[in-house]
Each structure stands twice: as structure tokens, then as C-alpha cells.
Amino acid sequence: RGGDVAAALAAATARLAEAGFDPIDYVALVDAATLE
């Protein structure tokens, strides 16, 4: 929807941590070809 990427990633990470995921290795938005 055009939302801030960093905020969306932080919210997803926080939700996983609250549910009990630990450690969280990564939550990231990447280029589909290069994975950067």
C-alpha cells in the first residue's frame, strides 16, 4: 500500500518476538533476483 518499509519490518519482527520466536534471524524486504 506504500507504507514505510522499515516500520512494516519492525512491526513483523515485534509480532514474532511477542509470539515467542527466538532468535529471529531476519525479517527483510529484498530484491527478488539479487536478494539485496
PDB file of all heavy atoms in Angstrom:
ATOM      1  N   ARG A   1       0.820  -1.219   0.000  1.00  0.00           N
ATOM      2  CA  ARG A   1       0.000   0.000   0.000  1.00  0.00           C
ATOM      3  C   ARG A   1       0.850   1.263   0.000  1.00  0.00           C
ATOM      4  O   ARG A   1       0.314   2.377   0.035  1.00  0.00           O
ATOM      5  CB  ARG A   1      -0.902   0.012   1.239  1.00  0.00           C
ATOM      6  CG  ARG A   1      -1.998  -1.038   1.232  1.00  0.00           C
ATOM      7  CD  ARG A   1      -3.026  -0.757   2.322  1.00  0.00           C
ATOM      8  NE  ARG A   1      -2.421  -0.788   3.661  1.00  0.00           N
ATOM      9  CZ  ARG A   1      -2.362  -1.867   4.445  1.00  0.00           C
ATOM     10  NH1 ARG A   1      -2.862  -3.028   4.012  1.00  0.00           N
ATOM     11  NH2 ARG A   1      -1.824  -1.798   5.642  1.00  0.00           N
ATOM     12  N   GLY A   2       2.164   1.087  -0.005  1.00  0.00           N
ATOM     13  CA  GLY A   2       3.045   2.241   0.007  1.00  0.00           C
ATOM     14  C   GLY A   2       3.530   2.629   1.383  1.00  0.00           C
ATOM     15  O   GLY A   2       4.134   3.695   1.559  1.00  0.00           O
ATOM     16  N   GLY A   3       3.309   1.770   2.364  1.00  0.00           N
ATOM     17  CA  GLY A   3       3.734   2.063   3.725  1.00  0.00           C
ATOM     18  C   GLY A   3       5.248   2.025   3.870  1.00  0.00           C
ATOM     19  O   GLY A   3       5.963   1.479   3.020  1.00  0.00           O
ATOM     20  N   ASP A   4       5.724   2.583   4.972  1.00  0.00           N
ATOM     21  CA  ASP A   4       7.150   2.634   5.238  1.00  0.00           C
ATOM     22  C   ASP A   4       7.698   1.219   5.432  1.00  0.00           C
ATOM     23  O   ASP A   4       7.190   0.457   6.263  1.00  0.00           O
ATOM     24  CB  ASP A   4       7.408   3.475   6.488  1.00  0.00           C
ATOM     25  CG  ASP A   4       8.879   3.583   6.802  1.00  0.00           C
ATOM     26  OD1 ASP A   4       9.572   4.325   6.117  1.00  0.00           O
ATOM     27  OD2 ASP A   4       9.332   2.883   7.740  1.00  0.00           O
ATOM     28  N   VAL A   5       8.738   0.871   4.681  1.00  0.00           N
ATOM     29  CA  VAL A   5       9.280  -0.488   4.723  1.00  0.00           C
ATOM     30  C   VAL A   5       9.860  -0.800   6.093  1.00  0.00           C
ATOM     31  O   VAL A   5       9.582  -1.852   6.676  1.00  0.00           O
ATOM     32  CB  VAL A   5      10.341  -0.684   3.616  1.00  0.00           C
ATOM     33  CG1 VAL A   5      11.082  -2.008   3.807  1.00  0.00           C
ATOM     34  CG2 VAL A   5       9.684  -0.628   2.242  1.00  0.00           C
ATOM     35  N   ALA A   6      10.673   0.098   6.624  1.00  0.00           N
ATOM     36  CA  ALA A   6      11.302  -0.158   7.920  1.00  0.00           C
ATOM     37  C   ALA A   6      10.263  -0.364   9.013  1.00  0.00           C
ATOM     38  O   ALA A   6      10.412  -1.247   9.877  1.00  0.00           O
ATOM     39  CB  ALA A   6      12.239   0.995   8.277  1.00  0.00           C
ATOM     40  N   ALA A   7       9.202   0.426   8.996  1.00  0.00           N
ATOM     41  CA  ALA A   7       8.154   0.287  10.002  1.00  0.00           C
ATOM     42  C   ALA A   7       7.434  -1.049   9.866  1.00  0.00           C
ATOM     43  O   ALA A   7       7.116  -1.701  10.877  1.00  0.00           O
ATOM     44  CB  ALA A   7       7.164   1.443   9.885  1.00  0.00           C
ATOM     45  N   ALA A   8       7.156  -1.465   8.632  1.00  0.00           N
ATOM     46  CA  ALA A   8       6.483  -2.745   8.422  1.00  0.00           C
ATOM     47  C   ALA A   8       7.339  -3.907   8.882  1.00  0.00           C
ATOM     48  O   ALA A   8       6.840  -4.866   9.497  1.00  0.00           O
ATOM     49  CB  ALA A   8       6.118  -2.902   6.943  1.00  0.00           C
ATOM     50  N   LEU A   9       8.644  -3.847   8.602  1.00  0.00           N
ATOM     51  CA  LEU A   9       9.545  -4.916   9.026  1.00  0.00           C
ATOM     52  C   LEU A   9       9.664  -4.947  10.552  1.00  0.00           C
ATOM     53  O   LEU A   9       9.686  -6.028  11.163  1.00  0.00           O
ATOM     54  CB  LEU A   9      10.924  -4.727   8.398  1.00  0.00           C
ATOM     55  CG  LEU A   9      10.995  -4.769   6.869  1.00  0.00           C
ATOM     56  CD1 LEU A   9      12.428  -4.556   6.401  1.00  0.00           C
ATOM     57  CD2 LEU A   9      10.434  -6.077   6.330  1.00  0.00           C
ATOM     58  N   ALA A  10       9.729  -3.779  11.160  1.00  0.00           N
ATOM     59  CA  ALA A  10       9.820  -3.720  12.624  1.00  0.00           C
ATOM     60  C   ALA A  10       8.564  -4.285  13.275  1.00  0.00           C
ATOM     61  O   ALA A  10       8.638  -4.996  14.292  1.00  0.00           O
ATOM     62  CB  ALA A  10      10.051  -2.278  13.075  1.00  0.00           C
ATOM     63  N   ALA A  11       7.398  -3.978  12.697  1.00  0.00           N
ATOM     64  CA  ALA A  11       6.150  -4.487  13.254  1.00  0.00           C
ATOM     65  C   ALA A  11       6.076  -6.007  13.145  1.00  0.00           C
ATOM     66  O   ALA A  11       5.640  -6.693  14.093  1.00  0.00           O
ATOM     67  CB  ALA A  11       4.965  -3.841  12.539  1.00  0.00           C
ATOM     68  N   ALA A  12       6.508  -6.556  12.010  1.00  0.00           N
ATOM     69  CA  ALA A  12       6.509  -8.011  11.842  1.00  0.00           C
ATOM     70  C   ALA A  12       7.472  -8.662  12.820  1.00  0.00           C
ATOM     71  O   ALA A  12       7.154  -9.695  13.436  1.00  0.00           O
ATOM     72  CB  ALA A  12       6.881  -8.369  10.408  1.00  0.00           C
ATOM     73  N   THR A  13       8.650  -8.073  12.988  1.00  0.00           N
ATOM     74  CA  THR A  13       9.636  -8.619  13.913  1.00  0.00           C
ATOM     75  C   THR A  13       9.104  -8.594  15.344  1.00  0.00           C
ATOM     76  O   THR A  13       9.251  -9.572  16.095  1.00  0.00           O
ATOM     77  CB  THR A  13      10.952  -7.820  13.823  1.00  0.00           C
ATOM     78  OG1 THR A  13      11.432  -7.876  12.477  1.00  0.00           O
ATOM     79  CG2 THR A  13      12.002  -8.385  14.757  1.00  0.00           C
ATOM     80  N   ALA A  14       8.478  -7.497  15.722  1.00  0.00           N
ATOM     81  CA  ALA A  14       7.919  -7.388  17.072  1.00  0.00           C
ATOM     82  C   ALA A  14       6.822  -8.417  17.303  1.00  0.00           C
ATOM     83  O   ALA A  14       6.730  -9.014  18.399  1.00  0.00           O
ATOM     84  CB  ALA A  14       7.384  -5.973  17.292  1.00  0.00           C
ATOM     85  N   ARG A  15       6.001  -8.652  16.295  1.00  0.00           N
ATOM     86  CA  ARG A  15       4.928  -9.630  16.458  1.00  0.00           C
ATOM     87  C   ARG A  15       5.491 -11.035  16.642  1.00  0.00           C
ATOM     88  O   ARG A  15       4.998 -11.818  17.458  1.00  0.00           O
ATOM     89  CB  ARG A  15       3.983  -9.589  15.257  1.00  0.00           C
ATOM     90  CG  ARG A  15       2.799 -10.536  15.421  1.00  0.00           C
ATOM     91  CD  ARG A  15       1.729 -10.349  14.398  1.00  0.00           C
ATOM     92  NE  ARG A  15       0.649 -11.299  14.625  1.00  0.00           N
ATOM     93  CZ  ARG A  15      -0.385 -11.484  13.819  1.00  0.00           C
ATOM     94  NH1 ARG A  15      -0.488 -10.737  12.719  1.00  0.00           N
ATOM     95  NH2 ARG A  15      -1.312 -12.385  14.088  1.00  0.00           N
ATOM     96  N   LEU A  16       6.540 -11.365  15.908  1.00  0.00           N
ATOM     97  CA  LEU A  16       7.163 -12.681  16.058  1.00  0.00           C
ATOM     98  C   LEU A  16       7.780 -12.827  17.451  1.00  0.00           C
ATOM     99  O   LEU A  16       7.644 -13.871  18.095  1.00  0.00           O
ATOM    100  CB  LEU A  16       8.226 -12.882  14.980  1.00  0.00           C
ATOM    101  CG  LEU A  16       7.728 -12.989  13.538  1.00  0.00           C
ATOM    102  CD1 LEU A  16       8.910 -13.118  12.579  1.00  0.00           C
ATOM    103  CD2 LEU A  16       6.767 -14.151  13.366  1.00  0.00           C
ATOM    104  N   ALA A  17       8.459 -11.775  17.911  1.00  0.00           N
ATOM    105  CA  ALA A  17       9.075 -11.831  19.241  1.00  0.00           C
ATOM    106  C   ALA A  17       8.019 -11.991  20.325  1.00  0.00           C
ATOM    107  O   ALA A  17       8.190 -12.781  21.267  1.00  0.00           O
ATOM    108  CB  ALA A  17       9.894 -10.566  19.474  1.00  0.00           C
ATOM    109  N   GLU A  18       6.924 -11.275  20.190  1.00  0.00           N
ATOM    110  CA  GLU A  18       5.850 -11.368  21.178  1.00  0.00           C
ATOM    111  C   GLU A  18       5.245 -12.770  21.212  1.00  0.00           C
ATOM    112  O   GLU A  18       4.847 -13.259  22.277  1.00  0.00           O
ATOM    113  CB  GLU A  18       4.769 -10.334  20.855  1.00  0.00           C
ATOM    114  CG  GLU A  18       3.627 -10.299  21.853  1.00  0.00           C
ATOM    115  CD  GLU A  18       2.585  -9.254  21.500  1.00  0.00           C
ATOM    116  OE1 GLU A  18       2.769  -8.542  20.486  1.00  0.00           O
ATOM    117  OE2 GLU A  18       1.586  -9.143  22.226  1.00  0.00           O
ATOM    118  N   ALA A  19       5.194 -13.433  20.049  1.00  0.00           N
ATOM    119  CA  ALA A  19       4.631 -14.784  19.983  1.00  0.00           C
ATOM    120  C   ALA A  19       5.576 -15.825  20.566  1.00  0.00           C
ATOM    121  O   ALA A  19       5.154 -16.961  20.815  1.00  0.00           O
ATOM    122  CB  ALA A  19       4.297 -15.132  18.539  1.00  0.00           C
ATOM    123  N   GLY A  20       6.860 -15.483  20.735  1.00  0.00           N
ATOM    124  CA  GLY A  20       7.801 -16.420  21.324  1.00  0.00           C
ATOM    125  C   GLY A  20       8.878 -16.924  20.386  1.00  0.00           C
ATOM    126  O   GLY A  20       9.653 -17.813  20.756  1.00  0.00           O
ATOM    127  N   PHE A  21       8.977 -16.369  19.187  1.00  0.00           N
ATOM    128  CA  PHE A  21      10.065 -16.745  18.283  1.00  0.00           C
ATOM    129  C   PHE A  21      11.377 -16.154  18.810  1.00  0.00           C
ATOM    130  O   PHE A  21      11.457 -14.956  19.082  1.00  0.00           O
ATOM    131  CB  PHE A  21       9.799 -16.217  16.873  1.00  0.00           C
ATOM    132  CG  PHE A  21       8.738 -16.964  16.109  1.00  0.00           C
ATOM    133  CD1 PHE A  21       7.395 -16.681  16.294  1.00  0.00           C
ATOM    134  CD2 PHE A  21       9.090 -17.952  15.198  1.00  0.00           C
ATOM    135  CE1 PHE A  21       6.418 -17.363  15.584  1.00  0.00           C
ATOM    136  CE2 PHE A  21       8.128 -18.634  14.478  1.00  0.00           C
ATOM    137  CZ  PHE A  21       6.784 -18.347  14.675  1.00  0.00           C
ATOM    138  N   ASP A  22      12.390 -16.999  18.933  1.00  0.00           N
ATOM    139  CA  ASP A  22      13.675 -16.538  19.461  1.00  0.00           C
ATOM    140  C   ASP A  22      14.746 -17.594  19.194  1.00  0.00           C
ATOM    141  O   ASP A  22      14.582 -18.739  19.612  1.00  0.00           O
ATOM    142  CB  ASP A  22      13.563 -16.267  20.963  1.00  0.00           C
ATOM    143  CG  ASP A  22      14.841 -15.723  21.561  1.00  0.00           C
ATOM    144  OD1 ASP A  22      15.502 -14.910  20.884  1.00  0.00           O
ATOM    145  OD2 ASP A  22      15.179 -16.135  22.680  1.00  0.00           O
ATOM    146  N   PRO A  23      15.815 -17.229  18.462  1.00  0.00           N
ATOM    147  CA  PRO A  23      16.076 -15.907  17.889  1.00  0.00           C
ATOM    148  C   PRO A  23      15.333 -15.694  16.576  1.00  0.00           C
ATOM    149  O   PRO A  23      14.890 -16.649  15.940  1.00  0.00           O
ATOM    150  CB  PRO A  23      17.579 -15.946  17.655  1.00  0.00           C
ATOM    151  CG  PRO A  23      17.867 -17.392  17.354  1.00  0.00           C
ATOM    152  CD  PRO A  23      16.933 -18.163  18.249  1.00  0.00           C
ATOM    153  N   ILE A  24      15.228 -14.437  16.204  1.00  0.00           N
ATOM    154  CA  ILE A  24      14.711 -14.065  14.886  1.00  0.00           C
ATOM    155  C   ILE A  24      15.925 -13.713  14.032  1.00  0.00           C
ATOM    156  O   ILE A  24      16.585 -12.709  14.267  1.00  0.00           O
ATOM    157  CB  ILE A  24      13.729 -12.880  14.988  1.00  0.00           C
ATOM    158  CG1 ILE A  24      12.539 -13.268  15.877  1.00  0.00           C
ATOM    159  CG2 ILE A  24      13.254 -12.451  13.598  1.00  0.00           C
ATOM    160  CD1 ILE A  24      11.667 -12.095  16.279  1.00  0.00           C
ATOM    161  N   ASP A  25      16.249 -14.571  13.090  1.00  0.00           N
ATOM    162  CA  ASP A  25      17.468 -14.366  12.304  1.00  0.00           C
ATOM    163  C   ASP A  25      17.350 -13.159  11.376  1.00  0.00           C
ATOM    164  O   ASP A  25      18.286 -12.381  11.233  1.00  0.00           O
ATOM    165  CB  ASP A  25      17.806 -15.615  11.489  1.00  0.00           C
ATOM    166  CG  ASP A  25      18.325 -16.756  12.354  1.00  0.00           C
ATOM    167  OD1 ASP A  25      18.819 -16.478  13.461  1.00  0.00           O
ATOM    168  OD2 ASP A  25      18.235 -17.924  11.919  1.00  0.00           O
ATOM    169  N   TYR A  26      16.192 -13.024  10.732  1.00  0.00           N
ATOM    170  CA  TYR A  26      16.000 -11.877   9.851  1.00  0.00           C
ATOM    171  C   TYR A  26      14.539 -11.770   9.450  1.00  0.00           C
ATOM    172  O   TYR A  26      13.802 -12.771   9.382  1.00  0.00           O
ATOM    173  CB  TYR A  26      16.870 -11.961   8.592  1.00  0.00           C
ATOM    174  CG  TYR A  26      16.702 -13.230   7.773  1.00  0.00           C
ATOM    175  CD1 TYR A  26      15.664 -13.375   6.850  1.00  0.00           C
ATOM    176  CD2 TYR A  26      17.584 -14.288   7.919  1.00  0.00           C
ATOM    177  CE1 TYR A  26      15.512 -14.528   6.110  1.00  0.00           C
ATOM    178  CE2 TYR A  26      17.436 -15.459   7.188  1.00  0.00           C
ATOM    179  CZ  TYR A  26      16.400 -15.578   6.287  1.00  0.00           C
ATOM    180  OH  TYR A  26      16.248 -16.735   5.563  1.00  0.00           O
ATOM    181  N   VAL A  27      14.097 -10.545   9.238  1.00  0.00           N
ATOM    182  CA  VAL A  27      12.860 -10.218   8.531  1.00  0.00           C
ATOM    183  C   VAL A  27      13.267  -9.086   7.600  1.00  0.00           C
ATOM    184  O   VAL A  27      13.689  -8.025   8.057  1.00  0.00           O
ATOM    185  CB  VAL A  27      11.734  -9.769   9.483  1.00  0.00           C
ATOM    186  CG1 VAL A  27      10.493  -9.397   8.669  1.00  0.00           C
ATOM    187  CG2 VAL A  27      11.403 -10.844  10.509  1.00  0.00           C
ATOM    188  N   ALA A  28      13.168  -9.309   6.283  1.00  0.00           N
ATOM    189  CA  ALA A  28      13.743  -8.340   5.347  1.00  0.00           C
ATOM    190  C   ALA A  28      12.937  -8.277   4.062  1.00  0.00           C
ATOM    191  O   ALA A  28      12.306  -9.266   3.654  1.00  0.00           O
ATOM    192  CB  ALA A  28      15.190  -8.710   5.024  1.00  0.00           C
ATOM    193  N   LEU A  29      12.978  -7.118   3.433  1.00  0.00           N
ATOM    194  CA  LEU A  29      12.454  -6.951   2.079  1.00  0.00           C
ATOM    195  C   LEU A  29      13.643  -6.935   1.145  1.00  0.00           C
ATOM    196  O   LEU A  29      14.587  -6.156   1.338  1.00  0.00           O
ATOM    197  CB  LEU A  29      11.666  -5.651   1.957  1.00  0.00           C
ATOM    198  CG  LEU A  29      11.012  -5.416   0.586  1.00  0.00           C
ATOM    199  CD1 LEU A  29       9.856  -6.389   0.360  1.00  0.00           C
ATOM    200  CD2 LEU A  29      10.528  -3.966   0.463  1.00  0.00           C
ATOM    201  N   VAL A  30      13.626  -7.801   0.121  1.00  0.00           N
ATOM    202  CA  VAL A  30      14.786  -7.950  -0.749  1.00  0.00           C
ATOM    203  C   VAL A  30      14.369  -7.910  -2.217  1.00  0.00           C
ATOM    204  O   VAL A  30      13.227  -8.230  -2.567  1.00  0.00           O
ATOM    205  CB  VAL A  30      15.537  -9.273  -0.465  1.00  0.00           C
ATOM    206  CG1 VAL A  30      16.000  -9.322   0.988  1.00  0.00           C
ATOM    207  CG2 VAL A  30      14.681 -10.497  -0.792  1.00  0.00           C
ATOM    208  N   ASP A  31      15.323  -7.542  -3.043  1.00  0.00           N
ATOM    209  CA  ASP A  31      15.149  -7.653  -4.491  1.00  0.00           C
ATOM    210  C   ASP A  31      14.993  -9.126  -4.837  1.00  0.00           C
ATOM    211  O   ASP A  31      15.767  -9.969  -4.387  1.00  0.00           O
ATOM    212  CB  ASP A  31      16.366  -7.056  -5.189  1.00  0.00           C
ATOM    213  CG  ASP A  31      16.258  -7.138  -6.696  1.00  0.00           C
ATOM    214  OD1 ASP A  31      16.528  -8.231  -7.256  1.00  0.00           O
ATOM    215  OD2 ASP A  31      15.929  -6.123  -7.325  1.00  0.00           O
ATOM    216  N   ALA A  32      13.986  -9.449  -5.629  1.00  0.00           N
ATOM    217  CA  ALA A  32      13.668 -10.854  -5.882  1.00  0.00           C
ATOM    218  C   ALA A  32      14.744 -11.588  -6.666  1.00  0.00           C
ATOM    219  O   ALA A  32      14.816 -12.811  -6.602  1.00  0.00           O
ATOM    220  CB  ALA A  32      12.337 -10.959  -6.626  1.00  0.00           C
ATOM    221  N   ALA A  33      15.588 -10.872  -7.386  1.00  0.00           N
ATOM    222  CA  ALA A  33      16.642 -11.519  -8.173  1.00  0.00           C
ATOM    223  C   ALA A  33      17.967 -11.577  -7.422  1.00  0.00           C
ATOM    224  O   ALA A  33      18.614 -12.621  -7.375  1.00  0.00           O
ATOM    225  CB  ALA A  33      16.824 -10.793  -9.506  1.00  0.00           C
ATOM    226  N   THR A  34      18.355 -10.457  -6.820  1.00  0.00           N
ATOM    227  CA  THR A  34      19.679 -10.400  -6.192  1.00  0.00           C
ATOM    228  C   THR A  34      19.655 -10.733  -4.710  1.00  0.00           C
ATOM    229  O   THR A  34      20.694 -10.995  -4.114  1.00  0.00           O
ATOM    230  CB  THR A  34      20.290  -8.999  -6.347  1.00  0.00           C
ATOM    231  OG1 THR A  34      19.506  -8.055  -5.587  1.00  0.00           O
ATOM    232  CG2 THR A  34      20.316  -8.586  -7.817  1.00  0.00           C
ATOM    233  N   LEU A  35      18.495 -10.653  -4.074  1.00  0.00           N
ATOM    234  CA  LEU A  35      18.310 -10.819  -2.640  1.00  0.00           C
ATOM    235  C   LEU A  35      18.999  -9.746  -1.810  1.00  0.00           C
ATOM    236  O   LEU A  35      19.190  -9.903  -0.610  1.00  0.00           O
ATOM    237  CB  LEU A  35      18.728 -12.223  -2.168  1.00  0.00           C
ATOM    238  CG  LEU A  35      17.589 -13.247  -2.174  1.00  0.00           C
ATOM    239  CD1 LEU A  35      17.169 -13.565  -3.600  1.00  0.00           C
ATOM    240  CD2 LEU A  35      17.982 -14.511  -1.453  1.00  0.00           C
ATOM    241  N   GLU A  36      19.347  -8.639  -2.442  1.00  0.00           N
ATOM    242  CA  GLU A  36      19.872  -7.498  -1.697  1.00  0.00           C
ATOM    243  C   GLU A  36      18.720  -6.772  -0.998  1.00  0.00           C
ATOM    244  O   GLU A  36      17.614  -6.668  -1.553  1.00  0.00           O
ATOM    245  CB  GLU A  36      20.598  -6.540  -2.634  1.00  0.00           C
ATOM    246  CG  GLU A  36      21.929  -7.070  -3.137  1.00  0.00           C
ATOM    247  CD  GLU A  36      22.914  -7.273  -2.008  1.00  0.00           C
ATOM    248  OE1 GLU A  36      23.187  -6.316  -1.261  1.00  0.00           O
ATOM    249  OE2 GLU A  36      23.416  -8.414  -1.864  1.00  0.00           O
TER     250      GLU A  36
END
